[in-house]
Amino acid sequence: MATIVRHTSTGEKYVLLGSGFGAYQSKKPNWFFGDLIADTDEGQYAMVCVCNPEGKIGWMESPQVVVDSVDGQPVQSIL
């Protein structure tokens, strides 16, 4: 069976397909020192892969969803 997650801000429900991790880093030359001391911007995102009732797949940040049910049972009854 499936793990059903709910988007916290919209209330929409999705099927959880998997999880992943996104990271990025970009550098641009410093206005004074150029490439010697480049300005760096970086970040990380914990992501989940979900699909909607129409079967369209997409990614969301993990803190934006909560698990509603696993194998048709509410999380509270499993734990």
PDB file of N, CA and C in Angstrom:
ATOM      1  N   MET A   1       0.837  -1.181   0.000  1.00  0.00           N
ATOM      2  CA  MET A   1       0.000   0.000   0.000  1.00  0.00           C
ATOM      3  C   MET A   1       0.881   1.243   0.000  1.00  0.00           C
ATOM      4  N   ALA A   2       0.265   2.384   0.144  1.00  0.00           N
ATOM      5  CA  ALA A   2       0.960   3.653  -0.048  1.00  0.00           C
ATOM      6  C   ALA A   2       1.101   4.439   1.247  1.00  0.00           C
ATOM      7  N   THR A   3       2.047   5.360   1.217  1.00  0.00           N
ATOM      8  CA  THR A   3       2.185   6.359   2.272  1.00  0.00           C
ATOM      9  C   THR A   3       1.591   7.651   1.731  1.00  0.00           C
ATOM     10  N   ILE A   4       0.587   8.164   2.439  1.00  0.00           N
ATOM     11  CA  ILE A   4      -0.115   9.377   2.026  1.00  0.00           C
ATOM     12  C   ILE A   4       0.398  10.540   2.858  1.00  0.00           C
ATOM     13  N   VAL A   5       0.804  11.613   2.187  1.00  0.00           N
ATOM     14  CA  VAL A   5       1.274  12.819   2.870  1.00  0.00           C
ATOM     15  C   VAL A   5       0.342  13.979   2.536  1.00  0.00           C
ATOM     16  N   ARG A   6       0.310  14.958   3.433  1.00  0.00           N
ATOM     17  CA  ARG A   6      -0.537  16.142   3.257  1.00  0.00           C
ATOM     18  C   ARG A   6       0.335  17.381   3.256  1.00  0.00           C
ATOM     19  N   HIS A   7       0.125  18.251   2.266  1.00  0.00           N
ATOM     20  CA  HIS A   7       0.830  19.530   2.193  1.00  0.00           C
ATOM     21  C   HIS A   7       0.268  20.413   3.294  1.00  0.00           C
ATOM     22  N   THR A   8       1.125  20.937   4.157  1.00  0.00           N
ATOM     23  CA  THR A   8       0.654  21.639   5.349  1.00  0.00           C
ATOM     24  C   THR A   8      -0.062  22.946   5.049  1.00  0.00           C
ATOM     25  N   SER A   9       0.327  23.658   4.014  1.00  0.00           N
ATOM     26  CA  SER A   9      -0.306  24.955   3.765  1.00  0.00           C
ATOM     27  C   SER A   9      -1.560  24.856   2.900  1.00  0.00           C
ATOM     28  N   THR A  10      -1.648  23.875   2.007  1.00  0.00           N
ATOM     29  CA  THR A  10      -2.826  23.777   1.130  1.00  0.00           C
ATOM     30  C   THR A  10      -3.793  22.680   1.540  1.00  0.00           C
ATOM     31  N   GLY A  11      -3.323  21.690   2.294  1.00  0.00           N
ATOM     32  CA  GLY A  11      -4.173  20.567   2.678  1.00  0.00           C
ATOM     33  C   GLY A  11      -4.297  19.497   1.598  1.00  0.00           C
ATOM     34  N   GLU A  12      -3.649  19.702   0.454  1.00  0.00           N
ATOM     35  CA  GLU A  12      -3.695  18.712  -0.640  1.00  0.00           C
ATOM     36  C   GLU A  12      -2.991  17.430  -0.199  1.00  0.00           C
ATOM     37  N   LYS A  13      -3.518  16.281  -0.644  1.00  0.00           N
ATOM     38  CA  LYS A  13      -2.915  14.993  -0.308  1.00  0.00           C
ATOM     39  C   LYS A  13      -2.187  14.425  -1.515  1.00  0.00           C
ATOM     40  N   TYR A  14      -1.060  13.747  -1.238  1.00  0.00           N
ATOM     41  CA  TYR A  14      -0.204  13.177  -2.263  1.00  0.00           C
ATOM     42  C   TYR A  14       0.273  11.799  -1.826  1.00  0.00           C
ATOM     43  N   VAL A  15       0.684  10.993  -2.788  1.00  0.00           N
ATOM     44  CA  VAL A  15       1.326   9.712  -2.504  1.00  0.00           C
ATOM     45  C   VAL A  15       2.830   9.964  -2.429  1.00  0.00           C
ATOM     46  N   LEU A  16       3.446   9.501  -1.357  1.00  0.00           N
ATOM     47  CA  LEU A  16       4.896   9.643  -1.193  1.00  0.00           C
ATOM     48  C   LEU A  16       5.598   8.583  -2.029  1.00  0.00           C
ATOM     49  N   LEU A  17       6.474   9.016  -2.933  1.00  0.00           N
ATOM     50  CA  LEU A  17       7.210   8.098  -3.789  1.00  0.00           C
ATOM     51  C   LEU A  17       8.632   7.855  -3.298  1.00  0.00           C
ATOM     52  N   GLY A  18       9.237   8.857  -2.668  1.00  0.00           N
ATOM     53  CA  GLY A  18      10.611   8.713  -2.190  1.00  0.00           C
ATOM     54  C   GLY A  18      11.118  10.006  -1.596  1.00  0.00           C
ATOM     55  N   SER A  19      12.381   9.999  -1.257  1.00  0.00           N
ATOM     56  CA  SER A  19      12.980  11.197  -0.675  1.00  0.00           C
ATOM     57  C   SER A  19      14.323  11.452  -1.328  1.00  0.00           C
ATOM     58  N   GLY A  20      14.820  12.647  -1.137  1.00  0.00           N
ATOM     59  CA  GLY A  20      16.097  13.019  -1.734  1.00  0.00           C
ATOM     60  C   GLY A  20      16.685  14.215  -1.026  1.00  0.00           C
ATOM     61  N   PHE A  21      17.802  14.658  -1.542  1.00  0.00           N
ATOM     62  CA  PHE A  21      18.507  15.763  -0.920  1.00  0.00           C
ATOM     63  C   PHE A  21      19.028  16.669  -2.023  1.00  0.00           C
ATOM     64  N   GLY A  22      18.709  17.935  -1.922  1.00  0.00           N
ATOM     65  CA  GLY A  22      19.169  18.892  -2.916  1.00  0.00           C
ATOM     66  C   GLY A  22      20.183  19.835  -2.303  1.00  0.00           C
ATOM     67  N   ALA A  23      21.222  20.129  -3.039  1.00  0.00           N
ATOM     68  CA  ALA A  23      22.242  21.060  -2.566  1.00  0.00           C
ATOM     69  C   ALA A  23      22.700  21.921  -3.738  1.00  0.00           C
ATOM     70  N   TYR A  24      23.093  23.131  -3.423  1.00  0.00           N
ATOM     71  CA  TYR A  24      23.596  24.014  -4.466  1.00  0.00           C
ATOM     72  C   TYR A  24      24.719  24.876  -3.916  1.00  0.00           C
ATOM     73  N   GLN A  25      25.551  25.337  -4.814  1.00  0.00           N
ATOM     74  CA  GLN A  25      26.604  26.284  -4.468  1.00  0.00           C
ATOM     75  C   GLN A  25      26.914  27.108  -5.710  1.00  0.00           C
ATOM     76  N   SER A  26      26.985  28.400  -5.531  1.00  0.00           N
ATOM     77  CA  SER A  26      27.363  29.274  -6.648  1.00  0.00           C
ATOM     78  C   SER A  26      28.386  30.288  -6.149  1.00  0.00           C
ATOM     79  N   LYS A  27      29.284  30.642  -7.045  1.00  0.00           N
ATOM     80  CA  LYS A  27      30.318  31.615  -6.709  1.00  0.00           C
ATOM     81  C   LYS A  27      30.328  32.706  -7.769  1.00  0.00           C
ATOM     82  N   LYS A  28      30.529  33.918  -7.311  1.00  0.00           N
ATOM     83  CA  LYS A  28      30.712  35.024  -8.254  1.00  0.00           C
ATOM     84  C   LYS A  28      31.891  35.851  -7.777  1.00  0.00           C
ATOM     85  N   PRO A  29      32.585  36.465  -8.671  1.00  0.00           N
ATOM     86  CA  PRO A  29      33.763  37.241  -8.291  1.00  0.00           C
ATOM     87  C   PRO A  29      33.407  38.357  -7.306  1.00  0.00           C
ATOM     88  N   ASN A  30      34.262  38.541  -6.334  1.00  0.00           N
ATOM     89  CA  ASN A  30      34.103  39.625  -5.381  1.00  0.00           C
ATOM     90  C   ASN A  30      34.314  40.950  -6.110  1.00  0.00           C
ATOM     91  N   TRP A  31      33.597  41.970  -5.729  1.00  0.00           N
ATOM     92  CA  TRP A  31      33.668  43.253  -6.433  1.00  0.00           C
ATOM     93  C   TRP A  31      35.047  43.900  -6.329  1.00  0.00           C
ATOM     94  N   PHE A  32      35.787  43.553  -5.265  1.00  0.00           N
ATOM     95  CA  PHE A  32      37.097  44.167  -5.083  1.00  0.00           C
ATOM     96  C   PHE A  32      38.242  43.191  -5.372  1.00  0.00           C
ATOM     97  N   PHE A  33      38.155  41.960  -4.836  1.00  0.00           N
ATOM     98  CA  PHE A  33      39.243  40.994  -4.959  1.00  0.00           C
ATOM     99  C   PHE A  33      39.093  40.050  -6.149  1.00  0.00           C
ATOM    100  N   GLY A  34      38.003  40.137  -6.876  1.00  0.00           N
ATOM    101  CA  GLY A  34      37.804  39.269  -8.034  1.00  0.00           C
ATOM    102  C   GLY A  34      37.663  37.815  -7.637  1.00  0.00           C
ATOM    103  N   ASP A  35      38.347  36.930  -8.376  1.00  0.00           N
ATOM    104  CA  ASP A  35      38.254  35.497  -8.116  1.00  0.00           C
ATOM    105  C   ASP A  35      39.078  35.036  -6.912  1.00  0.00           C
ATOM    106  N   LEU A  36      39.960  35.888  -6.384  1.00  0.00           N
ATOM    107  CA  LEU A  36      40.773  35.487  -5.238  1.00  0.00           C
ATOM    108  C   LEU A  36      39.904  35.178  -4.020  1.00  0.00           C
ATOM    109  N   ILE A  37      38.912  35.998  -3.784  1.00  0.00           N
ATOM    110  CA  ILE A  37      37.977  35.774  -2.672  1.00  0.00           C
ATOM    111  C   ILE A  37      36.570  35.906  -3.253  1.00  0.00           C
ATOM    112  N   ALA A  38      36.095  34.842  -3.866  1.00  0.00           N
ATOM    113  CA  ALA A  38      34.786  34.872  -4.521  1.00  0.00           C
ATOM    114  C   ALA A  38      33.664  34.864  -3.485  1.00  0.00           C
ATOM    115  N   ASP A  39      32.578  35.561  -3.791  1.00  0.00           N
ATOM    116  CA  ASP A  39      31.387  35.534  -2.946  1.00  0.00           C
ATOM    117  C   ASP A  39      30.654  34.219  -3.213  1.00  0.00           C
ATOM    118  N   THR A  40      30.402  33.455  -2.151  1.00  0.00           N
ATOM    119  CA  THR A  40      29.805  32.130  -2.286  1.00  0.00           C
ATOM    120  C   THR A  40      28.408  32.121  -1.674  1.00  0.00           C
ATOM    121  N   ASP A  41      27.485  31.509  -2.384  1.00  0.00           N
ATOM    122  CA  ASP A  41      26.127  31.296  -1.900  1.00  0.00           C
ATOM    123  C   ASP A  41      25.860  29.797  -1.981  1.00  0.00           C
ATOM    124  N   GLU A  42      25.414  29.189  -0.872  1.00  0.00           N
ATOM    125  CA  GLU A  42      25.161  27.757  -0.882  1.00  0.00           C
ATOM    126  C   GLU A  42      23.991  27.415   0.021  1.00  0.00           C
ATOM    127  N   GLY A  43      23.403  26.264  -0.216  1.00  0.00           N
ATOM    128  CA  GLY A  43      22.287  25.828   0.595  1.00  0.00           C
ATOM    129  C   GLY A  43      21.985  24.357   0.379  1.00  0.00           C
ATOM    130  N   GLN A  44      21.117  23.832   1.249  1.00  0.00           N
ATOM    131  CA  GLN A  44      20.739  22.427   1.189  1.00  0.00           C
ATOM    132  C   GLN A  44      19.248  22.310   1.440  1.00  0.00           C
ATOM    133  N   TYR A  45      18.638  21.328   0.794  1.00  0.00           N
ATOM    134  CA  TYR A  45      17.205  21.102   0.946  1.00  0.00           C
ATOM    135  C   TYR A  45      16.926  19.613   1.084  1.00  0.00           C
ATOM    136  N   ALA A  46      16.199  19.229   2.120  1.00  0.00           N
ATOM    137  CA  ALA A  46      15.675  17.870   2.228  1.00  0.00           C
ATOM    138  C   ALA A  46      14.380  17.860   1.424  1.00  0.00           C
ATOM    139  N   MET A  47      14.261  16.936   0.481  1.00  0.00           N
ATOM    140  CA  MET A  47      13.129  16.925  -0.447  1.00  0.00           C
ATOM    141  C   MET A  47      12.399  15.591  -0.405  1.00  0.00           C
ATOM    142  N   VAL A  48      11.114  15.604  -0.775  1.00  0.00           N
ATOM    143  CA  VAL A  48      10.340  14.380  -0.965  1.00  0.00           C
ATOM    144  C   VAL A  48       9.740  14.401  -2.357  1.00  0.00           C
ATOM    145  N   CYS A  49       9.683  13.235  -2.967  1.00  0.00           N
ATOM    146  CA  CYS A  49       9.080  13.079  -4.281  1.00  0.00           C
ATOM    147  C   CYS A  49       7.662  12.566  -4.072  1.00  0.00           C
ATOM    148  N   VAL A  50       6.687  13.248  -4.651  1.00  0.00           N
ATOM    149  CA  VAL A  50       5.277  12.892  -4.468  1.00  0.00           C
ATOM    150  C   VAL A  50       4.561  12.860  -5.819  1.00  0.00           C
ATOM    151  N   CYS A  51       3.382  12.249  -5.820  1.00  0.00           N
ATOM    152  CA  CYS A  51       2.538  12.352  -7.010  1.00  0.00           C
ATOM    153  C   CYS A  51       1.125  12.704  -6.574  1.00  0.00           C
ATOM    154  N   ASN A  52       0.440  13.462  -7.433  1.00  0.00           N
ATOM    155  CA  ASN A  52      -0.920  13.902  -7.139  1.00  0.00           C
ATOM    156  C   ASN A  52      -1.920  12.854  -7.642  1.00  0.00           C
ATOM    157  N   PRO A  53      -3.215  13.057  -7.413  1.00  0.00           N
ATOM    158  CA  PRO A  53      -4.210  12.075  -7.859  1.00  0.00           C
ATOM    159  C   PRO A  53      -4.210  11.822  -9.366  1.00  0.00           C
ATOM    160  N   GLU A  54      -3.719  12.759 -10.153  1.00  0.00           N
ATOM    161  CA  GLU A  54      -3.639  12.567 -11.601  1.00  0.00           C
ATOM    162  C   GLU A  54      -2.366  11.823 -12.016  1.00  0.00           C
ATOM    163  N   GLY A  55      -1.483  11.533 -11.064  1.00  0.00           N
ATOM    164  CA  GLY A  55      -0.254  10.812 -11.352  1.00  0.00           C
ATOM    165  C   GLY A  55       0.927  11.677 -11.723  1.00  0.00           C
ATOM    166  N   LYS A  56       0.797  12.991 -11.637  1.00  0.00           N
ATOM    167  CA  LYS A  56       1.913  13.883 -11.960  1.00  0.00           C
ATOM    168  C   LYS A  56       2.912  13.887 -10.802  1.00  0.00           C
ATOM    169  N   ILE A  57       4.176  13.734 -11.148  1.00  0.00           N
ATOM    170  CA  ILE A  57       5.247  13.636 -10.157  1.00  0.00           C
ATOM    171  C   ILE A  57       5.896  14.998  -9.945  1.00  0.00           C
ATOM    172  N   GLY A  58       6.231  15.290  -8.695  1.00  0.00           N
ATOM    173  CA  GLY A  58       6.907  16.543  -8.371  1.00  0.00           C
ATOM    174  C   GLY A  58       7.675  16.417  -7.075  1.00  0.00           C
ATOM    175  N   TRP A  59       8.429  17.447  -6.769  1.00  0.00           N
ATOM    176  CA  TRP A  59       9.248  17.483  -5.557  1.00  0.00           C
ATOM    177  C   TRP A  59       8.760  18.593  -4.633  1.00  0.00           C
ATOM    178  N   MET A  60       8.819  18.345  -3.325  1.00  0.00           N
ATOM    179  CA  MET A  60       8.485  19.334  -2.299  1.00  0.00           C
ATOM    180  C   MET A  60       9.549  19.269  -1.213  1.00  0.00           C
ATOM    181  N   GLU A  61       9.717  20.376  -0.507  1.00  0.00           N
ATOM    182  CA  GLU A  61      10.619  20.363   0.635  1.00  0.00           C
ATOM    183  C   GLU A  61       9.975  19.568   1.766  1.00  0.00           C
ATOM    184  N   SER A  62      10.768  18.760   2.449  1.00  0.00           N
ATOM    185  CA  SER A  62      10.260  17.874   3.496  1.00  0.00           C
ATOM    186  C   SER A  62       9.460  18.589   4.594  1.00  0.00           C
ATOM    187  N   PRO A  63       9.894  19.761   5.077  1.00  0.00           N
ATOM    188  CA  PRO A  63       9.115  20.421   6.125  1.00  0.00           C
ATOM    189  C   PRO A  63       7.721  20.863   5.680  1.00  0.00           C
ATOM    190  N   GLN A  64       7.433  20.844   4.373  1.00  0.00           N
ATOM    191  CA  GLN A  64       6.127  21.282   3.875  1.00  0.00           C
ATOM    192  C   GLN A  64       5.066  20.192   3.920  1.00  0.00           C
ATOM    193  N   VAL A  65       5.441  18.955   4.273  1.00  0.00           N
ATOM    194  CA  VAL A  65       4.469  17.858   4.277  1.00  0.00           C
ATOM    195  C   VAL A  65       4.494  17.117   5.603  1.00  0.00           C
ATOM    196  N   VAL A  66       3.358  16.498   5.939  1.00  0.00           N
ATOM    197  CA  VAL A  66       3.247  15.601   7.094  1.00  0.00           C
ATOM    198  C   VAL A  66       2.617  14.303   6.611  1.00  0.00           C
ATOM    199  N   VAL A  67       2.962  13.201   7.260  1.00  0.00           N
ATOM    200  CA  VAL A  67       2.422  11.901   6.886  1.00  0.00           C
ATOM    201  C   VAL A  67       1.036  11.744   7.499  1.00  0.00           C
ATOM    202  N   ASP A  68       0.043  11.412   6.670  1.00  0.00           N
ATOM    203  CA  ASP A  68      -1.319  11.166   7.137  1.00  0.00           C
ATOM    204  C   ASP A  68      -1.550   9.696   7.441  1.00  0.00           C
ATOM    205  N   SER A  69      -1.138   8.820   6.515  1.00  0.00           N
ATOM    206  CA  SER A  69      -1.374   7.395   6.724  1.00  0.00           C
ATOM    207  C   SER A  69      -0.312   6.561   6.027  1.00  0.00           C
ATOM    208  N   VAL A  70      -0.122   5.349   6.562  1.00  0.00           N
ATOM    209  CA  VAL A  70       0.798   4.372   5.987  1.00  0.00           C
ATOM    210  C   VAL A  70       0.032   3.066   5.847  1.00  0.00           C
ATOM    211  N   ASP A  71      -0.001   2.524   4.662  1.00  0.00           N
ATOM    212  CA  ASP A  71      -0.739   1.286   4.387  1.00  0.00           C
ATOM    213  C   ASP A  71      -2.197   1.382   4.836  1.00  0.00           C
ATOM    214  N   GLY A  72      -2.788   2.547   4.655  1.00  0.00           N
ATOM    215  CA  GLY A  72      -4.194   2.735   4.990  1.00  0.00           C
ATOM    216  C   GLY A  72      -4.505   2.961   6.461  1.00  0.00           C
ATOM    217  N   GLN A  73      -3.494   2.986   7.305  1.00  0.00           N
ATOM    218  CA  GLN A  73      -3.693   3.193   8.745  1.00  0.00           C
ATOM    219  C   GLN A  73      -3.132   4.547   9.155  1.00  0.00           C
ATOM    220  N   PRO A  74      -3.833   5.248  10.041  1.00  0.00           N
ATOM    221  CA  PRO A  74      -3.291   6.512  10.550  1.00  0.00           C
ATOM    222  C   PRO A  74      -1.963   6.289  11.269  1.00  0.00           C
ATOM    223  N   VAL A  75      -1.081   7.261  11.191  1.00  0.00           N
ATOM    224  CA  VAL A  75       0.247   7.136  11.808  1.00  0.00           C
ATOM    225  C   VAL A  75       0.120   6.869  13.310  1.00  0.00           C
ATOM    226  N   GLN A  76      -0.837   7.507  13.983  1.00  0.00           N
ATOM    227  CA  GLN A  76      -1.006   7.347  15.422  1.00  0.00           C
ATOM    228  C   GLN A  76      -1.285   5.888  15.815  1.00  0.00           C
ATOM    229  N   SER A  77      -2.040   5.161  14.976  1.00  0.00           N
ATOM    230  CA  SER A  77      -2.353   3.775  15.318  1.00  0.00           C
ATOM    231  C   SER A  77      -1.147   2.845  15.091  1.00  0.00           C
ATOM    232  N   ILE A  78      -0.241   3.231  14.212  1.00  0.00           N
ATOM    233  CA  ILE A  78       0.946   2.416  13.958  1.00  0.00           C
ATOM    234  C   ILE A  78       1.958   2.575  15.075  1.00  0.00           C
ATOM    235  N   LEU A  79       2.125   3.799  15.553  1.00  0.00           N
ATOM    236  CA  LEU A  79       3.105   4.063  16.594  1.00  0.00           C
ATOM    237  C   LEU A  79       2.525   3.792  17.957  1.00  0.00           C
TER     238      LEU A  79
END
